[in-house]
Amino acid sequence: QVQLVESGGGLVQPGGSLRLSCAASGSIVRIHTMGWYRQAPGKERELVAAITSGGSTNYADSVKGRFTISRDNAKNTVYLQMNSLKPEDTAVYYCTGTISTIYRTTGYWGQGTQVTVSS
């Protein structure tokens, strides 16, 4: 089994920063692309940022220049540094990863962490 556990969410004022972490654990052979999605109330889940095993990244236009995704392959962990936060960034943030075990390669999701940007 594989688990993704997020941490680092919370309440922050507009203009503030937060750093999300997501640690993968279990019978992992290899972790491929990892990413962060978010879902605001009444809206569809959307991709925020993704990073390949080689370190290539892509971002949603709405977060370019403000958010940075990174990963520590030795720790099986992906991070999302969020700066200059806006109220419209308020959402539940989900970590996702395409992970190989000895049985299969498939996508996994974390349980989500709430980010609230409000004064």
N, C-alpha and C. Protein backbone atom coordinates (compact mmCIF):
# COMPACT_ATOMS: atom_id res chain seq x y z
N GLN A 1 0.82 -1.20 0.00
CA GLN A 1 0.00 0.00 0.00
C GLN A 1 0.86 1.25 0.00
N VAL A 2 0.31 2.31 -0.57
CA VAL A 2 0.99 3.61 -0.62
C VAL A 2 0.09 4.65 0.02
N GLN A 3 0.70 5.53 0.79
CA GLN A 3 -0.03 6.64 1.39
C GLN A 3 0.65 7.94 1.08
N LEU A 4 -0.16 8.97 0.83
CA LEU A 4 0.33 10.34 0.68
C LEU A 4 -0.28 11.15 1.81
N VAL A 5 0.58 11.79 2.59
CA VAL A 5 0.11 12.55 3.74
C VAL A 5 0.56 14.00 3.60
N GLU A 6 -0.43 14.91 3.53
CA GLU A 6 -0.13 16.33 3.40
C GLU A 6 -0.07 16.99 4.77
N SER A 7 0.65 18.09 4.82
CA SER A 7 0.71 18.91 6.01
C SER A 7 1.04 20.34 5.61
N GLY A 8 0.80 21.28 6.53
CA GLY A 8 1.20 22.66 6.30
C GLY A 8 0.09 23.63 5.98
N GLY A 9 -1.13 23.15 5.84
CA GLY A 9 -2.22 24.06 5.57
C GLY A 9 -2.57 24.90 6.79
N GLY A 10 -3.48 25.84 6.58
CA GLY A 10 -3.90 26.69 7.70
C GLY A 10 -4.51 27.98 7.23
N LEU A 11 -4.63 28.90 8.17
CA LEU A 11 -5.20 30.23 7.92
C LEU A 11 -4.07 31.24 7.79
N VAL A 12 -4.12 32.05 6.75
CA VAL A 12 -3.09 33.05 6.52
C VAL A 12 -3.74 34.31 5.97
N GLN A 13 -3.16 35.45 6.26
CA GLN A 13 -3.68 36.71 5.74
C GLN A 13 -3.27 36.91 4.29
N PRO A 14 -4.03 37.68 3.55
CA PRO A 14 -3.64 38.00 2.16
C PRO A 14 -2.24 38.57 2.13
N GLY A 15 -1.46 38.11 1.14
CA GLY A 15 -0.08 38.53 1.03
C GLY A 15 0.89 37.64 1.78
N GLY A 16 0.36 36.76 2.59
CA GLY A 16 1.20 35.87 3.39
C GLY A 16 1.69 34.66 2.62
N SER A 17 2.38 33.78 3.34
CA SER A 17 2.97 32.59 2.73
C SER A 17 2.64 31.34 3.54
N LEU A 18 2.60 30.23 2.84
CA LEU A 18 2.48 28.91 3.47
C LEU A 18 3.32 27.93 2.66
N ARG A 19 3.76 26.89 3.34
CA ARG A 19 4.48 25.82 2.66
C ARG A 19 3.79 24.50 2.95
N LEU A 20 3.31 23.86 1.89
CA LEU A 20 2.68 22.55 2.02
C LEU A 20 3.72 21.46 1.76
N SER A 21 3.57 20.37 2.49
CA SER A 21 4.42 19.20 2.29
C SER A 21 3.55 17.99 2.06
N CYS A 22 4.08 17.04 1.32
CA CYS A 22 3.36 15.79 1.07
C CYS A 22 4.40 14.66 1.04
N ALA A 23 4.28 13.77 2.00
CA ALA A 23 5.21 12.66 2.10
C ALA A 23 4.55 11.36 1.65
N ALA A 24 5.22 10.66 0.77
CA ALA A 24 4.73 9.36 0.30
C ALA A 24 5.43 8.25 1.08
N SER A 25 4.66 7.24 1.44
CA SER A 25 5.22 6.11 2.18
C SER A 25 4.56 4.82 1.72
N GLY A 26 5.22 3.70 2.02
CA GLY A 26 4.69 2.41 1.65
C GLY A 26 5.67 1.63 0.79
N SER A 27 5.14 0.68 0.05
CA SER A 27 5.98 -0.21 -0.76
C SER A 27 6.29 0.43 -2.11
N ILE A 28 7.06 1.50 -2.07
CA ILE A 28 7.34 2.31 -3.25
C ILE A 28 8.60 1.83 -3.95
N VAL A 29 8.47 1.62 -5.25
CA VAL A 29 9.63 1.31 -6.08
C VAL A 29 10.16 2.58 -6.71
N ARG A 30 9.22 3.38 -7.25
CA ARG A 30 9.63 4.62 -7.90
C ARG A 30 8.46 5.60 -7.89
N ILE A 31 8.79 6.88 -7.71
CA ILE A 31 7.78 7.93 -7.79
C ILE A 31 8.02 8.73 -9.07
N HIS A 32 7.01 8.83 -9.87
CA HIS A 32 7.11 9.56 -11.13
C HIS A 32 6.66 10.99 -10.90
N THR A 33 5.73 11.50 -11.68
CA THR A 33 5.27 12.86 -11.51
C THR A 33 4.47 13.01 -10.22
N MET A 34 4.72 14.12 -9.53
CA MET A 34 3.92 14.48 -8.35
C MET A 34 3.32 15.85 -8.58
N GLY A 35 2.22 16.10 -7.92
CA GLY A 35 1.59 17.39 -8.14
C GLY A 35 0.65 17.79 -7.02
N TRP A 36 0.15 19.01 -7.15
CA TRP A 36 -0.83 19.55 -6.23
C TRP A 36 -2.05 20.01 -7.02
N TYR A 37 -3.22 19.62 -6.54
CA TYR A 37 -4.48 20.11 -7.05
C TYR A 37 -5.17 20.87 -5.93
N ARG A 38 -6.16 21.65 -6.29
CA ARG A 38 -6.98 22.31 -5.26
C ARG A 38 -8.42 22.34 -5.70
N GLN A 39 -9.29 22.39 -4.70
CA GLN A 39 -10.72 22.46 -4.95
C GLN A 39 -11.35 23.45 -4.00
N ALA A 40 -11.90 24.51 -4.57
CA ALA A 40 -12.61 25.51 -3.77
C ALA A 40 -14.09 25.13 -3.72
N PRO A 41 -14.82 25.62 -2.72
CA PRO A 41 -16.25 25.30 -2.61
C PRO A 41 -17.00 25.67 -3.88
N GLY A 42 -17.77 24.72 -4.40
CA GLY A 42 -18.58 24.97 -5.58
C GLY A 42 -17.82 24.96 -6.89
N LYS A 43 -16.54 24.63 -6.84
CA LYS A 43 -15.73 24.63 -8.06
C LYS A 43 -15.13 23.25 -8.30
N GLU A 44 -14.70 23.02 -9.52
CA GLU A 44 -14.07 21.76 -9.86
C GLU A 44 -12.63 21.74 -9.35
N ARG A 45 -12.13 20.53 -9.14
CA ARG A 45 -10.73 20.39 -8.75
C ARG A 45 -9.84 20.81 -9.92
N GLU A 46 -8.80 21.55 -9.63
CA GLU A 46 -7.92 22.05 -10.69
C GLU A 46 -6.45 21.80 -10.35
N LEU A 47 -5.66 21.60 -11.39
CA LEU A 47 -4.23 21.43 -11.19
C LEU A 47 -3.60 22.76 -10.80
N VAL A 48 -2.77 22.73 -9.77
CA VAL A 48 -2.04 23.90 -9.33
C VAL A 48 -0.61 23.85 -9.88
N ALA A 49 0.07 22.74 -9.65
CA ALA A 49 1.45 22.61 -10.09
C ALA A 49 1.83 21.13 -10.12
N ALA A 50 2.80 20.81 -10.98
CA ALA A 50 3.27 19.43 -11.07
C ALA A 50 4.78 19.43 -11.32
N ILE A 51 5.41 18.34 -10.91
CA ILE A 51 6.86 18.21 -11.09
C ILE A 51 7.19 16.77 -11.45
N THR A 52 7.99 16.60 -12.49
CA THR A 52 8.36 15.26 -12.92
C THR A 52 9.50 14.73 -12.06
N SER A 53 9.83 13.47 -12.26
CA SER A 53 10.94 12.88 -11.51
C SER A 53 12.26 13.55 -11.86
N GLY A 54 12.33 14.14 -13.05
CA GLY A 54 13.54 14.84 -13.47
C GLY A 54 13.60 16.29 -13.05
N GLY A 55 12.51 16.77 -12.47
CA GLY A 55 12.48 18.14 -11.96
C GLY A 55 11.80 19.15 -12.86
N SER A 56 11.26 18.75 -13.99
CA SER A 56 10.51 19.68 -14.83
C SER A 56 9.20 20.03 -14.16
N THR A 57 8.82 21.31 -14.27
CA THR A 57 7.64 21.78 -13.57
C THR A 57 6.66 22.45 -14.52
N ASN A 58 5.40 22.48 -14.11
CA ASN A 58 4.41 23.30 -14.79
C ASN A 58 3.42 23.81 -13.76
N TYR A 59 2.86 24.97 -14.04
CA TYR A 59 2.00 25.66 -13.10
C TYR A 59 0.72 26.16 -13.78
N ALA A 60 -0.32 26.26 -12.99
CA ALA A 60 -1.52 26.95 -13.46
C ALA A 60 -1.17 28.42 -13.63
N ASP A 61 -1.78 29.06 -14.63
CA ASP A 61 -1.49 30.47 -14.89
C ASP A 61 -1.77 31.33 -13.66
N SER A 62 -2.76 30.95 -12.89
CA SER A 62 -3.18 31.76 -11.74
C SER A 62 -2.15 31.78 -10.61
N VAL A 63 -1.20 30.86 -10.61
CA VAL A 63 -0.22 30.81 -9.52
C VAL A 63 1.21 31.04 -10.00
N LYS A 64 1.41 31.19 -11.29
CA LYS A 64 2.76 31.41 -11.81
C LYS A 64 3.38 32.66 -11.18
N GLY A 65 4.63 32.51 -10.75
CA GLY A 65 5.32 33.63 -10.12
C GLY A 65 5.07 33.76 -8.64
N ARG A 66 4.09 33.01 -8.13
CA ARG A 66 3.78 33.09 -6.69
C ARG A 66 4.03 31.76 -5.98
N PHE A 67 3.77 30.65 -6.67
CA PHE A 67 3.93 29.32 -6.08
C PHE A 67 5.15 28.62 -6.69
N THR A 68 5.81 27.81 -5.89
CA THR A 68 6.93 27.01 -6.36
C THR A 68 6.79 25.58 -5.86
N ILE A 69 6.82 24.65 -6.80
CA ILE A 69 6.78 23.24 -6.45
C ILE A 69 8.20 22.68 -6.48
N SER A 70 8.50 21.80 -5.53
CA SER A 70 9.81 21.16 -5.49
C SER A 70 9.65 19.77 -4.88
N ARG A 71 10.70 18.97 -4.98
CA ARG A 71 10.61 17.63 -4.41
C ARG A 71 11.97 17.21 -3.89
N ASP A 72 11.92 16.34 -2.87
CA ASP A 72 13.11 15.73 -2.31
C ASP A 72 12.96 14.23 -2.54
N ASN A 73 13.63 13.73 -3.55
CA ASN A 73 13.45 12.32 -3.92
C ASN A 73 13.94 11.37 -2.82
N ALA A 74 14.94 11.79 -2.07
CA ALA A 74 15.46 10.94 -1.00
C ALA A 74 14.43 10.77 0.12
N LYS A 75 13.55 11.76 0.27
CA LYS A 75 12.53 11.72 1.33
C LYS A 75 11.16 11.38 0.78
N ASN A 76 11.06 11.13 -0.53
CA ASN A 76 9.75 10.86 -1.16
C ASN A 76 8.74 11.95 -0.81
N THR A 77 9.17 13.18 -0.87
CA THR A 77 8.35 14.30 -0.44
C THR A 77 8.30 15.38 -1.52
N VAL A 78 7.12 15.95 -1.68
CA VAL A 78 6.93 17.08 -2.58
C VAL A 78 6.45 18.26 -1.77
N TYR A 79 6.87 19.44 -2.16
CA TYR A 79 6.53 20.67 -1.44
C TYR A 79 5.83 21.65 -2.37
N LEU A 80 5.04 22.53 -1.77
CA LEU A 80 4.46 23.64 -2.51
C LEU A 80 4.65 24.90 -1.66
N GLN A 81 5.55 25.75 -2.10
CA GLN A 81 5.76 27.03 -1.44
C GLN A 81 4.81 28.04 -2.05
N MET A 82 3.96 28.61 -1.22
CA MET A 82 2.94 29.54 -1.71
C MET A 82 3.20 30.91 -1.11
N ASN A 83 3.50 31.87 -1.96
CA ASN A 83 3.75 33.24 -1.55
C ASN A 83 2.69 34.17 -2.12
N SER A 84 2.63 35.37 -1.57
CA SER A 84 1.68 36.39 -2.04
C SER A 84 0.27 35.80 -2.17
N LEU A 85 -0.16 35.12 -1.15
CA LEU A 85 -1.44 34.44 -1.20
C LEU A 85 -2.59 35.42 -1.30
N LYS A 86 -3.62 34.98 -2.05
CA LYS A 86 -4.81 35.78 -2.28
C LYS A 86 -6.03 35.04 -1.75
N PRO A 87 -7.10 35.76 -1.44
CA PRO A 87 -8.31 35.07 -0.98
C PRO A 87 -8.79 33.99 -1.97
N GLU A 88 -8.59 34.21 -3.24
CA GLU A 88 -9.02 33.22 -4.23
C GLU A 88 -8.17 31.96 -4.23
N ASP A 89 -7.11 31.92 -3.46
CA ASP A 89 -6.32 30.70 -3.30
C ASP A 89 -6.93 29.78 -2.23
N THR A 90 -7.94 30.27 -1.56
CA THR A 90 -8.60 29.45 -0.53
C THR A 90 -9.21 28.21 -1.16
N ALA A 91 -8.83 27.05 -0.62
CA ALA A 91 -9.30 25.77 -1.17
C ALA A 91 -8.73 24.64 -0.32
N VAL A 92 -9.23 23.45 -0.60
CA VAL A 92 -8.57 22.25 -0.08
C VAL A 92 -7.52 21.85 -1.11
N TYR A 93 -6.29 21.66 -0.65
CA TYR A 93 -5.18 21.31 -1.53
C TYR A 93 -4.88 19.82 -1.38
N TYR A 94 -4.80 19.16 -2.53
CA TYR A 94 -4.57 17.73 -2.56
C TYR A 94 -3.24 17.42 -3.24
N CYS A 95 -2.51 16.53 -2.63
CA CYS A 95 -1.27 16.03 -3.23
C CYS A 95 -1.60 14.79 -4.06
N THR A 96 -0.92 14.64 -5.17
CA THR A 96 -1.11 13.45 -6.00
C THR A 96 0.24 12.99 -6.54
N GLY A 97 0.32 11.70 -6.79
CA GLY A 97 1.56 11.17 -7.35
C GLY A 97 1.32 9.92 -8.16
N THR A 98 2.06 9.77 -9.24
CA THR A 98 2.06 8.53 -9.99
C THR A 98 3.22 7.70 -9.46
N ILE A 99 2.88 6.55 -8.87
CA ILE A 99 3.85 5.79 -8.09
C ILE A 99 3.86 4.34 -8.51
N SER A 100 5.05 3.79 -8.63
CA SER A 100 5.20 2.38 -8.96
C SER A 100 5.49 1.58 -7.69
N THR A 101 4.72 0.50 -7.51
CA THR A 101 5.05 -0.53 -6.53
C THR A 101 5.48 -1.77 -7.31
N ILE A 102 5.70 -2.86 -6.64
CA ILE A 102 6.09 -4.07 -7.37
C ILE A 102 4.91 -4.65 -8.14
N TYR A 103 3.71 -4.17 -7.82
CA TYR A 103 2.51 -4.72 -8.45
C TYR A 103 2.02 -3.90 -9.63
N ARG A 104 2.12 -2.58 -9.54
CA ARG A 104 1.55 -1.74 -10.58
C ARG A 104 2.06 -0.31 -10.44
N THR A 105 1.75 0.45 -11.48
CA THR A 105 1.98 1.89 -11.48
C THR A 105 0.63 2.56 -11.60
N THR A 106 0.32 3.43 -10.64
CA THR A 106 -0.98 4.07 -10.66
C THR A 106 -0.91 5.39 -9.89
N GLY A 107 -1.99 6.14 -9.95
CA GLY A 107 -2.05 7.41 -9.25
C GLY A 107 -2.60 7.27 -7.84
N TYR A 108 -2.07 8.08 -6.95
CA TYR A 108 -2.52 8.10 -5.57
C TYR A 108 -2.83 9.55 -5.17
N TRP A 109 -3.72 9.69 -4.19
CA TRP A 109 -4.12 11.00 -3.70
C TRP A 109 -3.97 11.06 -2.20
N GLY A 110 -3.62 12.25 -1.71
CA GLY A 110 -3.65 12.48 -0.28
C GLY A 110 -5.06 12.84 0.16
N GLN A 111 -5.20 13.06 1.47
CA GLN A 111 -6.52 13.32 2.03
C GLN A 111 -6.92 14.79 1.93
N GLY A 112 -5.97 15.65 1.59
CA GLY A 112 -6.27 17.07 1.44
C GLY A 112 -5.93 17.87 2.68
N THR A 113 -5.54 19.11 2.47
CA THR A 113 -5.28 20.03 3.57
C THR A 113 -5.90 21.39 3.23
N GLN A 114 -6.56 21.97 4.21
CA GLN A 114 -7.29 23.22 3.98
C GLN A 114 -6.34 24.41 4.03
N VAL A 115 -6.45 25.27 3.03
CA VAL A 115 -5.75 26.55 3.01
C VAL A 115 -6.80 27.65 2.94
N THR A 116 -6.78 28.54 3.91
CA THR A 116 -7.73 29.65 3.96
C THR A 116 -6.95 30.95 3.99
N VAL A 117 -7.24 31.82 3.02
CA VAL A 117 -6.59 33.13 2.94
C VAL A 117 -7.64 34.19 3.24
N SER A 118 -7.49 34.81 4.39
CA SER A 118 -8.52 35.76 4.83
C SER A 118 -7.93 36.71 5.86
N SER A 119 -8.45 37.92 5.85
CA SER A 119 -8.02 38.89 6.86
C SER A 119 -8.99 38.87 8.04
